Protein backbone atom coordinates (compact mmCIF):
# COMPACT_ATOMS: atom_id res chain seq x y z
CA MET A 1 -15.46 0.76 -8.30
CA ALA A 2 -18.30 -0.61 -10.39
CA ARG A 3 -17.42 -2.96 -13.23
CA VAL A 4 -17.56 -1.24 -16.60
CA PRO A 5 -19.85 -3.07 -19.01
CA SER A 6 -18.12 -5.20 -21.61
CA LEU A 7 -17.23 -3.64 -24.93
CA SER A 8 -18.59 -6.66 -26.77
CA SER A 9 -21.16 -4.74 -28.84
CA PRO A 10 -21.06 -5.77 -32.52
CA PHE A 11 -20.67 -2.05 -33.38
CA LEU A 12 -17.42 -1.69 -31.37
CA LEU A 13 -14.76 -3.44 -33.43
CA GLY A 14 -11.15 -3.74 -32.27
CA PHE A 15 -11.64 -2.26 -28.80
CA ASP A 16 -10.06 -5.20 -26.94
CA GLU A 17 -7.13 -3.00 -25.85
CA ILE A 18 -9.48 -0.46 -24.30
CA GLU A 19 -11.24 -3.16 -22.30
CA ARG A 20 -7.88 -4.43 -21.00
CA ALA A 21 -6.89 -0.84 -20.12
CA LEU A 22 -10.13 -0.37 -18.16
CA ASP A 23 -9.39 -3.58 -16.24
CA ARG A 24 -5.90 -2.28 -15.36
CA VAL A 25 -7.36 1.03 -14.16
CA ALA A 26 -9.93 -0.73 -11.98
CA LYS A 27 -7.16 -2.76 -10.29
CA ALA A 28 -5.10 0.38 -9.52
CA ALA A 29 -7.70 1.93 -7.21
CA ASP A 30 -5.41 2.37 -4.15
CA GLY A 31 -5.69 5.93 -2.82
CA TYR A 32 -2.01 6.45 -1.94
CA PRO A 33 -0.43 8.77 -2.74
CA PRO A 34 -3.17 11.32 -3.40
CA TYR A 35 -2.94 13.09 -6.75
CA ASN A 36 -4.44 15.80 -8.95
CA ILE A 37 -4.81 15.92 -12.72
CA GLU A 38 -5.19 19.37 -14.24
CA ARG A 39 -5.65 20.65 -17.76
CA MET A 40 -3.13 23.34 -18.66
CA ALA A 41 -4.11 26.22 -20.94
CA ARG A 42 -2.84 26.11 -24.51
CA GLU A 43 0.08 28.47 -25.09
CA ASN A 44 1.73 29.63 -28.31
CA GLY A 45 0.00 27.04 -30.49
CA GLN A 46 1.21 24.13 -28.35
CA PRO A 47 -1.04 21.09 -27.98
CA GLU A 48 -3.19 20.71 -24.89
CA ARG A 49 -1.18 19.70 -21.84
CA LEU A 50 -2.06 17.77 -18.71
CA ARG A 51 -0.26 17.87 -15.36
CA ILE A 52 -0.37 15.03 -12.85
CA THR A 53 0.69 16.12 -9.35
CA LEU A 54 1.30 13.53 -6.63
CA ALA A 55 1.75 14.33 -2.91
CA VAL A 56 5.04 12.55 -2.10
CA ALA A 57 6.09 14.33 1.10
CA GLY A 58 9.02 12.57 2.75
CA PHE A 59 10.38 11.06 -0.47
CA ALA A 60 13.75 12.23 -1.77
CA ARG A 61 14.43 12.51 -5.52
CA GLU A 62 16.48 9.29 -5.51
CA GLU A 63 13.60 7.37 -3.91
CA LEU A 64 11.21 8.13 -6.82
CA ASP A 65 11.06 6.59 -10.31
CA VAL A 66 8.93 7.75 -13.25
CA THR A 67 8.84 5.35 -16.21
CA ILE A 68 6.73 4.53 -19.25
CA GLU A 69 5.97 0.82 -19.54
CA GLU A 70 3.71 -0.55 -22.28
CA SER A 71 1.60 2.61 -22.74
CA GLN A 72 1.45 3.19 -18.99
CA LEU A 73 2.98 5.97 -16.92
CA VAL A 74 4.29 4.28 -13.77
CA ILE A 75 5.39 6.26 -10.69
CA ARG A 76 7.12 4.32 -7.91
CA GLY A 77 8.31 5.45 -4.50
CA ARG A 78 10.61 3.43 -2.26
CA GLN A 79 11.72 4.76 1.11
CA ASN A 80 14.52 3.12 3.05
CA ASP A 81 13.66 2.45 6.68
CA GLU A 82 16.48 3.93 8.77
CA GLN A 83 17.44 1.39 11.41
CA THR A 84 19.59 3.89 13.35
CA ARG A 85 16.63 5.94 14.59
CA HIS A 86 14.80 5.04 17.81
CA TYR A 87 11.22 6.31 17.72
CA LEU A 88 9.12 7.00 20.80
CA HIS A 89 6.11 7.28 18.48
CA ARG A 90 6.02 6.53 14.77
CA GLY A 91 3.04 7.92 12.91
CA ILE A 92 4.80 8.48 9.58
CA ALA A 93 5.53 5.13 8.02
CA ALA A 94 8.21 4.48 5.41
CA ARG A 95 5.73 3.41 2.75
CA GLN A 96 6.30 2.19 -0.77
CA PHE A 97 3.87 2.93 -3.56
CA GLN A 98 3.21 2.40 -7.23
CA ARG A 99 0.73 4.59 -9.10
CA THR A 100 -0.11 3.75 -12.72
CA PHE A 101 -1.84 5.85 -15.38
CA VAL A 102 -2.82 4.34 -18.74
CA LEU A 103 -1.77 6.63 -21.60
CA ALA A 104 -3.72 7.08 -24.82
CA ASP A 105 -1.88 6.58 -28.09
CA GLY A 106 0.30 9.56 -28.86
CA MET A 107 0.42 10.94 -25.30
CA GLU A 108 3.89 12.31 -24.64
CA VAL A 109 5.53 12.78 -21.24
CA LEU A 110 7.28 16.16 -21.29
CA GLY A 111 9.05 15.97 -17.92
CA ALA A 112 8.82 15.64 -14.15
CA ASP A 113 9.57 18.09 -11.33
CA LEU A 114 9.83 17.58 -7.55
CA LYS A 115 9.20 20.65 -5.40
CA ASN A 116 7.93 21.07 -1.82
CA GLY A 117 6.86 17.41 -1.56
CA LEU A 118 4.86 17.52 -4.80
CA LEU A 119 5.89 15.50 -7.86
CA SER A 120 4.51 17.09 -11.04
CA ILE A 121 4.55 15.27 -14.38
CA ASP A 122 3.62 17.17 -17.54
CA LEU A 123 2.09 15.42 -20.54
CA ALA A 124 1.10 16.63 -24.00
CA ARG A 125 -2.12 15.49 -25.57
CA PRO A 126 -1.68 15.41 -29.35
CA GLU A 127 -4.22 16.95 -31.68
CA PRO A 128 -6.30 14.18 -33.23
CA GLU A 129 -5.66 13.82 -36.92
CA ARG A 130 -8.83 14.27 -38.95
CA VAL A 131 -8.72 11.73 -41.75
CA VAL A 132 -11.45 11.04 -44.28
CA LYS A 133 -10.78 8.16 -46.61
CA THR A 134 -13.05 7.15 -49.46
CA ILE A 135 -13.33 3.41 -50.06
CA ALA A 136 -13.78 2.35 -53.68
CA ILE A 137 -16.75 0.09 -54.37
CA ASN A 138 -16.06 -2.61 -56.93
CA ASP A 139 -18.86 -3.47 -59.34
CA HIS A 140 -18.93 -7.13 -60.32
CA GLY A 141 -22.32 -6.96 -61.99
């Protein structure tokens, strides 16, 4: 992944957090497990929703964790390697993973669902608040 140019322009004030978030995203470029992100249609006046779906075939519910840590959605999978089995060929490894998504301010995780080896996590994207504020100009002349 190419390095994103620095946000050090004099016209971009207070964007240090965004630059740190971009660095975290660049470090989380591992391709496992594969995932989709889809935009869900608005229904009944609800805010726009997003759905993240991860392919977690072979993971049981108790081997998966979904948490929010410091404005990040973190999904972890930990499989226990069964020592009682004797494989003639092992092509499916017991693999651990951690997938991280940086959340914008106000993003809300609505829930998670595991079905047919797919873990789906629904999020709500809040409507941006349109605020116009007039700043008084003092006259010292």
